[in-house]
Amino acid sequence: MEQATAGHIQNPNQRQPQSNRQAVLAAGNSQPDELKGLGMMMQHLLQGQQVQAKTLNQVTTEMDTRMGNMFTELNNKYDTLTIHIRKIDVQLAQTAESSELKVEISSGLCCVLCVVV
């Protein structure tokens, strides 16, 4: 089955020209190379992400520790302030009691002195 086309005889069983075969082979060979390159790029990207995740984990741990220490320190200061305020409350109550007694005693003395005279 030969066909005549523009002075050329083509056989359907005839092979492709050499340049076409090389182009197909080059495309076929470049695909595995491209996949290897993409695979290496993905591996490099994943390694970078693992390093970043490790760094982020360290920073997060440090922040958590600092926040815990700050909370403990603030809580201790709050407790100290609460104790100090309670002491002042007790002193104020004691001062008020002694002032009332002094007023009652002095006013009682006045009345006793006034009656005696």
PDB file of N, CA and C in Angstrom:
ATOM      1  N   MET A   1       0.832  -1.171   0.000  1.00  0.00           N
ATOM      2  CA  MET A   1       0.000   0.000   0.000  1.00  0.00           C
ATOM      3  C   MET A   1       0.878   1.236   0.000  1.00  0.00           C
ATOM      4  N   GLU A   2       1.192   1.680  -1.082  1.00  0.00           N
ATOM      5  CA  GLU A   2       2.007   2.867  -1.213  1.00  0.00           C
ATOM      6  C   GLU A   2       1.163   3.985  -1.762  1.00  0.00           C
ATOM      7  N   GLN A   3       1.365   5.183  -1.260  1.00  0.00           N
ATOM      8  CA  GLN A   3       0.639   6.336  -1.742  1.00  0.00           C
ATOM      9  C   GLN A   3       1.640   7.323  -2.310  1.00  0.00           C
ATOM     10  N   ALA A   4       1.232   8.015  -3.342  1.00  0.00           N
ATOM     11  CA  ALA A   4       2.093   9.029  -3.940  1.00  0.00           C
ATOM     12  C   ALA A   4       1.589  10.382  -3.516  1.00  0.00           C
ATOM     13  N   THR A   5       2.471  11.150  -2.891  1.00  0.00           N
ATOM     14  CA  THR A   5       2.091  12.470  -2.448  1.00  0.00           C
ATOM     15  C   THR A   5       3.198  13.423  -2.820  1.00  0.00           C
ATOM     16  N   ALA A   6       2.874  14.343  -3.643  1.00  0.00           N
ATOM     17  CA  ALA A   6       3.785  15.390  -4.069  1.00  0.00           C
ATOM     18  C   ALA A   6       5.135  14.823  -4.457  1.00  0.00           C
ATOM     19  N   GLY A   7       5.120  13.751  -5.193  1.00  0.00           N
ATOM     20  CA  GLY A   7       6.347  13.184  -5.704  1.00  0.00           C
ATOM     21  C   GLY A   7       7.053  12.270  -4.719  1.00  0.00           C
ATOM     22  N   HIS A   8       6.518  12.124  -3.515  1.00  0.00           N
ATOM     23  CA  HIS A   8       7.137  11.242  -2.517  1.00  0.00           C
ATOM     24  C   HIS A   8       6.290  10.012  -2.372  1.00  0.00           C
ATOM     25  N   ILE A   9       6.908   8.945  -2.187  1.00  0.00           N
ATOM     26  CA  ILE A   9       6.191   7.697  -1.968  1.00  0.00           C
ATOM     27  C   ILE A   9       6.284   7.395  -0.471  1.00  0.00           C
ATOM     28  N   GLN A  10       5.111   7.218   0.145  1.00  0.00           N
ATOM     29  CA  GLN A  10       5.067   6.911   1.567  1.00  0.00           C
ATOM     30  C   GLN A  10       4.490   5.543   1.791  1.00  0.00           C
ATOM     31  N   ASN A  11       5.074   4.848   2.673  1.00  0.00           N
ATOM     32  CA  ASN A  11       4.603   3.553   3.078  1.00  0.00           C
ATOM     33  C   ASN A  11       4.104   3.701   4.509  1.00  0.00           C
ATOM     34  N   PRO A  12       2.855   3.293   4.831  1.00  0.00           N
ATOM     35  CA  PRO A  12       2.356   3.441   6.181  1.00  0.00           C
ATOM     36  C   PRO A  12       3.213   2.694   7.210  1.00  0.00           C
ATOM     37  N   ASN A  13       3.907   1.676   6.815  1.00  0.00           N
ATOM     38  CA  ASN A  13       4.745   0.910   7.718  1.00  0.00           C
ATOM     39  C   ASN A  13       6.128   1.539   7.884  1.00  0.00           C
ATOM     40  N   GLN A  14       6.382   2.572   7.103  1.00  0.00           N
ATOM     41  CA  GLN A  14       7.696   3.209   7.141  1.00  0.00           C
ATOM     42  C   GLN A  14       7.886   3.935   8.478  1.00  0.00           C
ATOM     43  N   ARG A  15       9.104   3.959   8.972  1.00  0.00           N
ATOM     44  CA  ARG A  15       9.416   4.580  10.245  1.00  0.00           C
ATOM     45  C   ARG A  15       9.396   6.091  10.128  1.00  0.00           C
ATOM     46  N   GLN A  16       9.271   6.720  11.305  1.00  0.00           N
ATOM     47  CA  GLN A  16       9.291   8.171  11.347  1.00  0.00           C
ATOM     48  C   GLN A  16      10.703   8.645  11.026  1.00  0.00           C
ATOM     49  N   PRO A  17      10.818   9.861  10.566  1.00  0.00           N
ATOM     50  CA  PRO A  17      12.156  10.373  10.298  1.00  0.00           C
ATOM     51  C   PRO A  17      12.980  10.418  11.589  1.00  0.00           C
ATOM     52  N   GLN A  18      14.296  10.400  11.438  1.00  0.00           N
ATOM     53  CA  GLN A  18      15.224  10.348  12.567  1.00  0.00           C
ATOM     54  C   GLN A  18      15.030  11.524  13.518  1.00  0.00           C
ATOM     55  N   SER A  19      14.811  12.740  13.000  1.00  0.00           N
ATOM     56  CA  SER A  19      14.682  13.911  13.864  1.00  0.00           C
ATOM     57  C   SER A  19      13.436  13.815  14.741  1.00  0.00           C
ATOM     58  N   ASN A  20      12.326  13.291  14.208  1.00  0.00           N
ATOM     59  CA  ASN A  20      11.111  13.123  15.011  1.00  0.00           C
ATOM     60  C   ASN A  20      11.322  12.103  16.130  1.00  0.00           C
ATOM     61  N   ARG A  21      12.014  11.010  15.795  1.00  0.00           N
ATOM     62  CA  ARG A  21      12.268   9.988  16.803  1.00  0.00           C
ATOM     63  C   ARG A  21      13.136  10.544  17.941  1.00  0.00           C
ATOM     64  N   GLN A  22      14.107  11.337  17.581  1.00  0.00           N
ATOM     65  CA  GLN A  22      14.977  11.910  18.601  1.00  0.00           C
ATOM     66  C   GLN A  22      14.195  12.871  19.504  1.00  0.00           C
ATOM     67  N   ALA A  23      13.285  13.631  18.901  1.00  0.00           N
ATOM     68  CA  ALA A  23      12.481  14.557  19.687  1.00  0.00           C
ATOM     69  C   ALA A  23      11.589  13.791  20.657  1.00  0.00           C
ATOM     70  N   VAL A  24      10.984  12.701  20.196  1.00  0.00           N
ATOM     71  CA  VAL A  24      10.121  11.884  21.049  1.00  0.00           C
ATOM     72  C   VAL A  24      10.956  11.239  22.146  1.00  0.00           C
ATOM     73  N   LEU A  25      12.129  10.721  21.801  1.00  0.00           N
ATOM     74  CA  LEU A  25      12.993  10.100  22.797  1.00  0.00           C
ATOM     75  C   LEU A  25      13.476  11.140  23.814  1.00  0.00           C
ATOM     76  N   ALA A  26      13.815  12.327  23.335  1.00  0.00           N
ATOM     77  CA  ALA A  26      14.275  13.378  24.235  1.00  0.00           C
ATOM     78  C   ALA A  26      13.160  13.762  25.199  1.00  0.00           C
ATOM     79  N   ALA A  27      11.938  13.858  24.681  1.00  0.00           N
ATOM     80  CA  ALA A  27      10.805  14.189  25.546  1.00  0.00           C
ATOM     81  C   ALA A  27      10.579  13.057  26.540  1.00  0.00           C
ATOM     82  N   GLY A  28      10.710  11.823  26.094  1.00  0.00           N
ATOM     83  CA  GLY A  28      10.534  10.677  26.975  1.00  0.00           C
ATOM     84  C   GLY A  28      11.624  10.615  28.027  1.00  0.00           C
ATOM     85  N   ASN A  29      12.841  10.916  27.643  1.00  0.00           N
ATOM     86  CA  ASN A  29      13.963  10.885  28.589  1.00  0.00           C
ATOM     87  C   ASN A  29      13.934  12.070  29.541  1.00  0.00           C
ATOM     88  N   SER A  30      13.440  13.220  29.090  1.00  0.00           N
ATOM     89  CA  SER A  30      13.441  14.400  29.947  1.00  0.00           C
ATOM     90  C   SER A  30      12.377  14.284  31.038  1.00  0.00           C
ATOM     91  N   GLN A  31      11.346  13.513  30.779  1.00  0.00           N
ATOM     92  CA  GLN A  31      10.288  13.375  31.774  1.00  0.00           C
ATOM     93  C   GLN A  31      10.802  12.746  33.068  1.00  0.00           C
ATOM     94  N   PRO A  32      11.541  11.662  33.031  1.00  0.00           N
ATOM     95  CA  PRO A  32      12.074  11.132  34.282  1.00  0.00           C
ATOM     96  C   PRO A  32      13.044  12.117  34.956  1.00  0.00           C
ATOM     97  N   ASP A  33      13.827  12.835  34.162  1.00  0.00           N
ATOM     98  CA  ASP A  33      14.729  13.831  34.730  1.00  0.00           C
ATOM     99  C   ASP A  33      13.940  14.941  35.416  1.00  0.00           C
ATOM    100  N   GLU A  34      12.857  15.364  34.770  1.00  0.00           N
ATOM    101  CA  GLU A  34      12.010  16.395  35.374  1.00  0.00           C
ATOM    102  C   GLU A  34      11.390  15.887  36.672  1.00  0.00           C
ATOM    103  N   LEU A  35      10.936  14.620  36.656  1.00  0.00           N
ATOM    104  CA  LEU A  35      10.353  14.040  37.866  1.00  0.00           C
ATOM    105  C   LEU A  35      11.390  13.933  38.977  1.00  0.00           C
ATOM    106  N   LYS A  36      12.617  13.569  38.616  1.00  0.00           N
ATOM    107  CA  LYS A  36      13.678  13.502  39.617  1.00  0.00           C
ATOM    108  C   LYS A  36      13.934  14.890  40.189  1.00  0.00           C
ATOM    109  N   GLY A  37      13.962  15.882  39.300  1.00  0.00           N
ATOM    110  CA  GLY A  37      14.189  17.256  39.739  1.00  0.00           C
ATOM    111  C   GLY A  37      13.069  17.741  40.652  1.00  0.00           C
ATOM    112  N   LEU A  38      11.827  17.436  40.262  1.00  0.00           N
ATOM    113  CA  LEU A  38      10.687  17.820  41.100  1.00  0.00           C
ATOM    114  C   LEU A  38      10.709  17.082  42.436  1.00  0.00           C
ATOM    115  N   GLY A  39      11.080  15.817  42.386  1.00  0.00           N
ATOM    116  CA  GLY A  39      11.176  15.037  43.615  1.00  0.00           C
ATOM    117  C   GLY A  39      12.230  15.621  44.547  1.00  0.00           C
ATOM    118  N   MET A  40      13.362  16.007  43.992  1.00  0.00           N
ATOM    119  CA  MET A  40      14.419  16.606  44.814  1.00  0.00           C
ATOM    120  C   MET A  40      13.965  17.943  45.379  1.00  0.00           C
ATOM    121  N   MET A  41      13.259  18.723  44.546  1.00  0.00           N
ATOM    122  CA  MET A  41      12.754  20.012  45.022  1.00  0.00           C
ATOM    123  C   MET A  41      11.749  19.802  46.155  1.00  0.00           C
ATOM    124  N   MET A  42      10.861  18.834  46.020  1.00  0.00           N
ATOM    125  CA  MET A  42       9.876  18.550  47.061  1.00  0.00           C
ATOM    126  C   MET A  42      10.566  18.086  48.344  1.00  0.00           C
ATOM    127  N   GLN A  43      11.592  17.238  48.199  1.00  0.00           N
ATOM    128  CA  GLN A  43      12.329  16.760  49.362  1.00  0.00           C
ATOM    129  C   GLN A  43      13.021  17.928  50.064  1.00  0.00           C
ATOM    130  N   HIS A  44      13.622  18.818  49.295  1.00  0.00           N
ATOM    131  CA  HIS A  44      14.273  19.998  49.859  1.00  0.00           C
ATOM    132  C   HIS A  44      13.250  20.888  50.569  1.00  0.00           C
ATOM    133  N   LEU A  45      12.092  21.064  49.955  1.00  0.00           N
ATOM    134  CA  LEU A  45      11.026  21.870  50.553  1.00  0.00           C
ATOM    135  C   LEU A  45      10.557  21.257  51.872  1.00  0.00           C
ATOM    136  N   LEU A  46      10.358  19.953  51.904  1.00  0.00           N
ATOM    137  CA  LEU A  46       9.927  19.271  53.126  1.00  0.00           C
ATOM    138  C   LEU A  46      10.976  19.377  54.221  1.00  0.00           C
ATOM    139  N   GLN A  47      12.248  19.271  53.848  1.00  0.00           N
ATOM    140  CA  GLN A  47      13.315  19.423  54.843  1.00  0.00           C
ATOM    141  C   GLN A  47      13.299  20.835  55.416  1.00  0.00           C
ATOM    142  N   GLY A  48      13.097  21.826  54.561  1.00  0.00           N
ATOM    143  CA  GLY A  48      13.006  23.210  55.025  1.00  0.00           C
ATOM    144  C   GLY A  48      11.838  23.407  55.971  1.00  0.00           C
ATOM    145  N   GLN A  49      10.713  22.797  55.649  1.00  0.00           N
ATOM    146  CA  GLN A  49       9.539  22.914  56.505  1.00  0.00           C
ATOM    147  C   GLN A  49       9.776  22.224  57.851  1.00  0.00           C
ATOM    148  N   GLN A  50      10.488  21.109  57.849  1.00  0.00           N
ATOM    149  CA  GLN A  50      10.792  20.426  59.109  1.00  0.00           C
ATOM    150  C   GLN A  50      11.684  21.289  59.986  1.00  0.00           C
ATOM    151  N   VAL A  51      12.673  21.958  59.376  1.00  0.00           N
ATOM    152  CA  VAL A  51      13.554  22.845  60.138  1.00  0.00           C
ATOM    153  C   VAL A  51      12.750  24.006  60.706  1.00  0.00           C
ATOM    154  N   GLN A  52      11.866  24.578  59.875  1.00  0.00           N
ATOM    155  CA  GLN A  52      11.031  25.689  60.344  1.00  0.00           C
ATOM    156  C   GLN A  52      10.088  25.233  61.454  1.00  0.00           C
ATOM    157  N   ALA A  53       9.528  24.054  61.333  1.00  0.00           N
ATOM    158  CA  ALA A  53       8.621  23.539  62.361  1.00  0.00           C
ATOM    159  C   ALA A  53       9.378  23.325  63.671  1.00  0.00           C
ATOM    160  N   LYS A  54      10.603  22.836  63.578  1.00  0.00           N
ATOM    161  CA  LYS A  54      11.411  22.619  64.778  1.00  0.00           C
ATOM    162  C   LYS A  54      11.724  23.959  65.446  1.00  0.00           C
ATOM    163  N   THR A  55      12.108  24.944  64.640  1.00  0.00           N
ATOM    164  CA  THR A  55      12.400  26.275  65.168  1.00  0.00           C
ATOM    165  C   THR A  55      11.157  26.886  65.797  1.00  0.00           C
ATOM    166  N   LEU A  56      10.031  26.774  65.118  1.00  0.00           N
ATOM    167  CA  LEU A  56       8.770  27.309  65.641  1.00  0.00           C
ATOM    168  C   LEU A  56       8.401  26.627  66.954  1.00  0.00           C
ATOM    169  N   ASN A  57       8.622  25.325  67.037  1.00  0.00           N
ATOM    170  CA  ASN A  57       8.334  24.588  68.269  1.00  0.00           C
ATOM    171  C   ASN A  57       9.209  25.091  69.414  1.00  0.00           C
ATOM    172  N   GLN A  58      10.483  25.357  69.130  1.00  0.00           N
ATOM    173  CA  GLN A  58      11.384  25.877  70.163  1.00  0.00           C
ATOM    174  C   GLN A  58      10.926  27.252  70.636  1.00  0.00           C
ATOM    175  N   VAL A  59      10.568  28.117  69.693  1.00  0.00           N
ATOM    176  CA  VAL A  59      10.123  29.466  70.044  1.00  0.00           C
ATOM    177  C   VAL A  59       8.837  29.400  70.866  1.00  0.00           C
ATOM    178  N   THR A  60       7.928  28.542  70.454  1.00  0.00           N
ATOM    179  CA  THR A  60       6.665  28.385  71.174  1.00  0.00           C
ATOM    180  C   THR A  60       6.914  27.882  72.594  1.00  0.00           C
ATOM    181  N   THR A  61       7.825  26.932  72.741  1.00  0.00           N
ATOM    182  CA  THR A  61       8.157  26.403  74.066  1.00  0.00           C
ATOM    183  C   THR A  61       8.761  27.494  74.941  1.00  0.00           C
ATOM    184  N   GLU A  62       9.674  28.285  74.367  1.00  0.00           N
ATOM    185  CA  GLU A  62      10.279  29.389  75.120  1.00  0.00           C
ATOM    186  C   GLU A  62       9.227  30.405  75.558  1.00  0.00           C
ATOM    187  N   MET A  63       8.319  30.751  74.647  1.00  0.00           N
ATOM    188  CA  MET A  63       7.255  31.700  74.984  1.00  0.00           C
ATOM    189  C   MET A  63       6.358  31.143  76.081  1.00  0.00           C
ATOM    190  N   ASP A  64       6.039  29.870  76.001  1.00  0.00           N
ATOM    191  CA  ASP A  64       5.190  29.239  77.005  1.00  0.00           C
ATOM    192  C   ASP A  64       5.870  29.279  78.371  1.00  0.00           C
ATOM    193  N   THR A  65       7.165  29.000  78.386  1.00  0.00           N
ATOM    194  CA  THR A  65       7.920  29.037  79.645  1.00  0.00           C
ATOM    195  C   THR A  65       7.936  30.448  80.213  1.00  0.00           C
ATOM    196  N   ARG A  66       8.210  31.422  79.368  1.00  0.00           N
ATOM    197  CA  ARG A  66       8.239  32.820  79.824  1.00  0.00           C
ATOM    198  C   ARG A  66       6.886  33.254  80.358  1.00  0.00           C
ATOM    199  N   MET A  67       5.821  32.906  79.641  1.00  0.00           N
ATOM    200  CA  MET A  67       4.477  33.282  80.083  1.00  0.00           C
ATOM    201  C   MET A  67       4.148  32.610  81.420  1.00  0.00           C
ATOM    202  N   GLY A  68       4.543  31.361  81.588  1.00  0.00           N
ATOM    203  CA  GLY A  68       4.316  30.665  82.847  1.00  0.00           C
ATOM    204  C   GLY A  68       5.049  31.335  83.993  1.00  0.00           C
ATOM    205  N   ASN A  69       6.306  31.717  83.735  1.00  0.00           N
ATOM    206  CA  ASN A  69       7.087  32.403  84.770  1.00  0.00           C
ATOM    207  C   ASN A  69       6.482  33.761  85.110  1.00  0.00           C
ATOM    208  N   MET A  70       6.040  34.492  84.084  1.00  0.00           N
ATOM    209  CA  MET A  70       5.421  35.800  84.319  1.00  0.00           C
ATOM    210  C   MET A  70       4.139  35.644  85.133  1.00  0.00           C
ATOM    211  N   PHE A  71       3.351  34.632  84.820  1.00  0.00           N
ATOM    212  CA  PHE A  71       2.112  34.389  85.563  1.00  0.00           C
ATOM    213  C   PHE A  71       2.418  34.071  87.024  1.00  0.00           C
ATOM    214  N   THR A  72       3.405  33.219  87.245  1.00  0.00           N
ATOM    215  CA  THR A  72       3.771  32.852  88.616  1.00  0.00           C
ATOM    216  C   THR A  72       4.238  34.079  89.386  1.00  0.00           C
ATOM    217  N   GLU A  73       5.084  34.888  88.762  1.00  0.00           N
ATOM    218  CA  GLU A  73       5.584  36.095  89.417  1.00  0.00           C
ATOM    219  C   GLU A  73       4.449  37.072  89.732  1.00  0.00           C
ATOM    220  N   LEU A  74       3.563  37.265  88.779  1.00  0.00           N
ATOM    221  CA  LEU A  74       2.434  38.168  88.987  1.00  0.00           C
ATOM    222  C   LEU A  74       1.502  37.640  90.077  1.00  0.00           C
ATOM    223  N   ASN A  75       1.278  36.345  90.081  1.00  0.00           N
ATOM    224  CA  ASN A  75       0.429  35.733  91.095  1.00  0.00           C
ATOM    225  C   ASN A  75       1.039  35.905  92.492  1.00  0.00           C
ATOM    226  N   ASN A  76       2.360  35.737  92.585  1.00  0.00           N
ATOM    227  CA  ASN A  76       3.037  35.952  93.875  1.00  0.00           C
ATOM    228  C   ASN A  76       2.900  37.397  94.334  1.00  0.00           C
ATOM    229  N   LYS A  77       3.039  38.331  93.415  1.00  0.00           N
ATOM    230  CA  LYS A  77       2.884  39.749  93.765  1.00  0.00           C
ATOM    231  C   LYS A  77       1.457  40.032  94.224  1.00  0.00           C
ATOM    232  N   TYR A  78       0.483  39.436  93.567  1.00  0.00           N
ATOM    233  CA  TYR A  78      -0.917  39.606  93.959  1.00  0.00           C
ATOM    234  C   TYR A  78      -1.138  39.073  95.380  1.00  0.00           C
ATOM    235  N   ASP A  79      -0.590  37.888  95.646  1.00  0.00           N
ATOM    236  CA  ASP A  79      -0.741  37.311  96.992  1.00  0.00           C
ATOM    237  C   ASP A  79      -0.097  38.206  98.044  1.00  0.00           C
ATOM    238  N   THR A  80       1.093  38.721  97.755  1.00  0.00           N
ATOM    239  CA  THR A  80       1.783  39.620  98.688  1.00  0.00           C
ATOM    240  C   THR A  80       0.957  40.876  98.934  1.00  0.00           C
ATOM    241  N   LEU A  81       0.402  41.442  97.883  1.00  0.00           N
ATOM    242  CA  LEU A  81      -0.428  42.642  98.009  1.00  0.00           C
ATOM    243  C   LEU A  81      -1.683  42.352  98.834  1.00  0.00           C
ATOM    244  N   THR A  82      -2.288  41.205  98.605  1.00  0.00           N
ATOM    245  CA  THR A  82      -3.483  40.825  99.359  1.00  0.00           C
ATOM    246  C   THR A  82      -3.170  40.723 100.859  1.00  0.00           C
ATOM    247  N   ILE A  83      -2.045  40.096 101.186  1.00  0.00           N
ATOM    248  CA  ILE A  83      -1.645  39.970 102.599  1.00  0.00           C
ATOM    249  C   ILE A  83      -1.398  41.351 103.199  1.00  0.00           C
ATOM    250  N   HIS A  84      -0.740  42.226 102.461  1.00  0.00           N
ATOM    251  CA  HIS A  84      -0.460  43.577 102.950  1.00  0.00           C
ATOM    252  C   HIS A  84      -1.754  44.359 103.200  1.00  0.00           C
ATOM    253  N   ILE A  85      -2.703  44.237 102.296  1.00  0.00           N
ATOM    254  CA  ILE A  85      -3.992  44.935 102.455  1.00  0.00           C
ATOM    255  C   ILE A  85      -4.730  44.400 103.682  1.00  0.00           C
ATOM    256  N   ARG A  86      -4.677  43.097 103.926  1.00  0.00           N
ATOM    257  CA  ARG A  86      -5.329  42.523 105.115  1.00  0.00           C
ATOM    258  C   ARG A  86      -4.697  43.070 106.399  1.00  0.00           C
ATOM    259  N   LYS A  87      -3.367  43.184 106.400  1.00  0.00           N
ATOM    260  CA  LYS A  87      -2.687  43.744 107.581  1.00  0.00           C
ATOM    261  C   LYS A  87      -3.130  45.186 107.833  1.00  0.00           C
ATOM    262  N   ILE A  88      -3.222  45.971 106.759  1.00  0.00           N
ATOM    263  CA  ILE A  88      -3.673  47.360 106.891  1.00  0.00           C
ATOM    264  C   ILE A  88      -5.102  47.403 107.403  1.00  0.00           C
ATOM    265  N   ASP A  89      -5.967  46.497 106.905  1.00  0.00           N
ATOM    266  CA  ASP A  89      -7.357  46.419 107.391  1.00  0.00           C
ATOM    267  C   ASP A  89      -7.391  46.148 108.894  1.00  0.00           C
ATOM    268  N   VAL A  90      -6.590  45.212 109.357  1.00  0.00           N
ATOM    269  CA  VAL A  90      -6.552  44.877 110.783  1.00  0.00           C
ATOM    270  C   VAL A  90      -6.059  46.074 111.581  1.00  0.00           C
ATOM    271  N   GLN A  91      -4.999  46.726 111.108  1.00  0.00           N
ATOM    272  CA  GLN A  91      -4.471  47.900 111.812  1.00  0.00           C
ATOM    273  C   GLN A  91      -5.497  49.020 111.860  1.00  0.00           C
ATOM    274  N   LEU A  92      -6.213  49.209 110.768  1.00  0.00           N
ATOM    275  CA  LEU A  92      -7.240  50.248 110.722  1.00  0.00           C
ATOM    276  C   LEU A  92      -8.357  49.938 111.722  1.00  0.00           C
ATOM    277  N   ALA A  93      -8.774  48.686 111.761  1.00  0.00           N
ATOM    278  CA  ALA A  93      -9.831  48.297 112.704  1.00  0.00           C
ATOM    279  C   ALA A  93      -9.357  48.481 114.143  1.00  0.00           C
ATOM    280  N   GLN A  94      -8.111  48.103 114.408  1.00  0.00           N
ATOM    281  CA  GLN A  94      -7.585  48.272 115.766  1.00  0.00           C
ATOM    282  C   GLN A  94      -7.475  49.750 116.133  1.00  0.00           C
ATOM    283  N   THR A  95      -7.046  50.563 115.214  1.00  0.00           N
ATOM    284  CA  THR A  95      -6.939  52.001 115.464  1.00  0.00           C
ATOM    285  C   THR A  95      -8.314  52.595 115.711  1.00  0.00           C
ATOM    286  N   ALA A  96      -9.283  52.192 114.946  1.00  0.00           N
ATOM    287  CA  ALA A  96     -10.649  52.690 115.125  1.00  0.00           C
ATOM    288  C   ALA A  96     -11.181  52.296 116.499  1.00  0.00           C
ATOM    289  N   GLU A  97     -10.942  51.063 116.918  1.00  0.00           N
ATOM    290  CA  GLU A  97     -11.400  50.613 118.241  1.00  0.00           C
ATOM    291  C   GLU A  97     -10.751  51.425 119.356  1.00  0.00           C
ATOM    292  N   SER A  98      -9.455  51.604 119.273  1.00  0.00           N
ATOM    293  CA  SER A  98      -8.766  52.334 120.333  1.00  0.00           C
ATOM    294  C   SER A  98      -9.171  53.803 120.336  1.00  0.00           C
ATOM    295  N   SER A  99      -9.471  54.374 119.178  1.00  0.00           N
ATOM    296  CA  SER A  99      -9.937  55.762 119.121  1.00  0.00           C
ATOM    297  C   SER A  99     -11.301  55.887 119.768  1.00  0.00           C
ATOM    298  N   GLU A 100     -12.175  54.947 119.536  1.00  0.00           N
ATOM    299  CA  GLU A 100     -13.511  54.978 120.131  1.00  0.00           C
ATOM    300  C   GLU A 100     -13.413  54.845 121.648  1.00  0.00           C
ATOM    301  N   LEU A 101     -12.523  53.973 122.120  1.00  0.00           N
ATOM    302  CA  LEU A 101     -12.355  53.807 123.555  1.00  0.00           C
ATOM    303  C   LEU A 101     -11.837  55.097 124.183  1.00  0.00           C
ATOM    304  N   LYS A 102     -10.880  55.734 123.534  1.00  0.00           N
ATOM    305  CA  LYS A 102     -10.333  56.981 124.059  1.00  0.00           C
ATOM    306  C   LYS A 102     -11.407  58.066 124.116  1.00  0.00           C
ATOM    307  N   VAL A 103     -12.222  58.121 123.081  1.00  0.00           N
ATOM    308  CA  VAL A 103     -13.290  59.123 123.060  1.00  0.00           C
ATOM    309  C   VAL A 103     -14.277  58.837 124.163  1.00  0.00           C
ATOM    310  N   GLU A 104     -14.653  57.570 124.347  1.00  0.00           N
ATOM    311  CA  GLU A 104     -15.602  57.214 125.395  1.00  0.00           C
ATOM    312  C   GLU A 104     -15.010  57.481 126.783  1.00  0.00           C
ATOM    313  N   ILE A 105     -13.750  57.141 126.950  1.00  0.00           N
ATOM    314  CA  ILE A 105     -13.106  57.347 128.252  1.00  0.00           C
ATOM    315  C   ILE A 105     -13.003  58.842 128.546  1.00  0.00           C
ATOM    316  N   SER A 106     -12.555  59.599 127.581  1.00  0.00           N
ATOM    317  CA  SER A 106     -12.408  61.039 127.829  1.00  0.00           C
ATOM    318  C   SER A 106     -13.756  61.713 128.036  1.00  0.00           C
ATOM    319  N   SER A 107     -14.748  61.324 127.326  1.00  0.00           N
ATOM    320  CA  SER A 107     -16.066  61.919 127.536  1.00  0.00           C
ATOM    321  C   SER A 107     -16.661  61.461 128.863  1.00  0.00           C
ATOM    322  N   GLY A 108     -16.373  60.249 129.274  1.00  0.00           N
ATOM    323  CA  GLY A 108     -16.826  59.754 130.584  1.00  0.00           C
ATOM    324  C   GLY A 108     -16.139  60.476 131.709  1.00  0.00           C
ATOM    325  N   LEU A 109     -14.878  60.781 131.547  1.00  0.00           N
ATOM    326  CA  LEU A 109     -14.131  61.534 132.565  1.00  0.00           C
ATOM    327  C   LEU A 109     -14.709  62.938 132.727  1.00  0.00           C
ATOM    328  N   CYS A 110     -15.044  63.486 131.598  1.00  0.00           N
ATOM    329  CA  CYS A 110     -15.622  64.838 131.640  1.00  0.00           C
ATOM    330  C   CYS A 110     -16.916  64.808 132.421  1.00  0.00           C
ATOM    331  N   CYS A 111     -17.710  63.810 132.126  1.00  0.00           N
ATOM    332  CA  CYS A 111     -19.006  63.744 132.819  1.00  0.00           C
ATOM    333  C   CYS A 111     -18.800  63.473 134.294  1.00  0.00           C
ATOM    334  N   VAL A 112     -17.850  62.602 134.634  1.00  0.00           N
ATOM    335  CA  VAL A 112     -17.591  62.301 136.032  1.00  0.00           C
ATOM    336  C   VAL A 112     -17.048  63.530 136.719  1.00  0.00           C
ATOM    337  N   LEU A 113     -16.141  64.244 136.061  1.00  0.00           N
ATOM    338  CA  LEU A 113     -15.575  65.454 136.644  1.00  0.00           C
ATOM    339  C   LEU A 113     -16.631  66.530 136.836  1.00  0.00           C
ATOM    340  N   CYS A 114     -17.525  66.599 135.882  1.00  0.00           N
ATOM    341  CA  CYS A 114     -18.577  67.617 135.966  1.00  0.00           C
ATOM    342  C   CYS A 114     -19.531  67.288 137.095  1.00  0.00           C
ATOM    343  N   VAL A 115     -19.835  66.082 137.318  1.00  0.00           N
ATOM    344  CA  VAL A 115     -20.776  65.677 138.361  1.00  0.00           C
ATOM    345  C   VAL A 115     -20.130  65.835 139.728  1.00  0.00           C
ATOM    346  N   VAL A 116     -18.877  65.526 139.825  1.00  0.00           N
ATOM    347  CA  VAL A 116     -18.188  65.575 141.109  1.00  0.00           C
ATOM    348  C   VAL A 116     -18.070  67.008 141.597  1.00  0.00           C
ATOM    349  N   VAL A 117     -17.844  67.908 140.738  1.00  0.00           N
ATOM    350  CA  VAL A 117     -17.628  69.286 141.172  1.00  0.00           C
ATOM    351  C   VAL A 117     -18.917  69.867 141.602  1.00  0.00           C
TER     352      VAL A 117
END
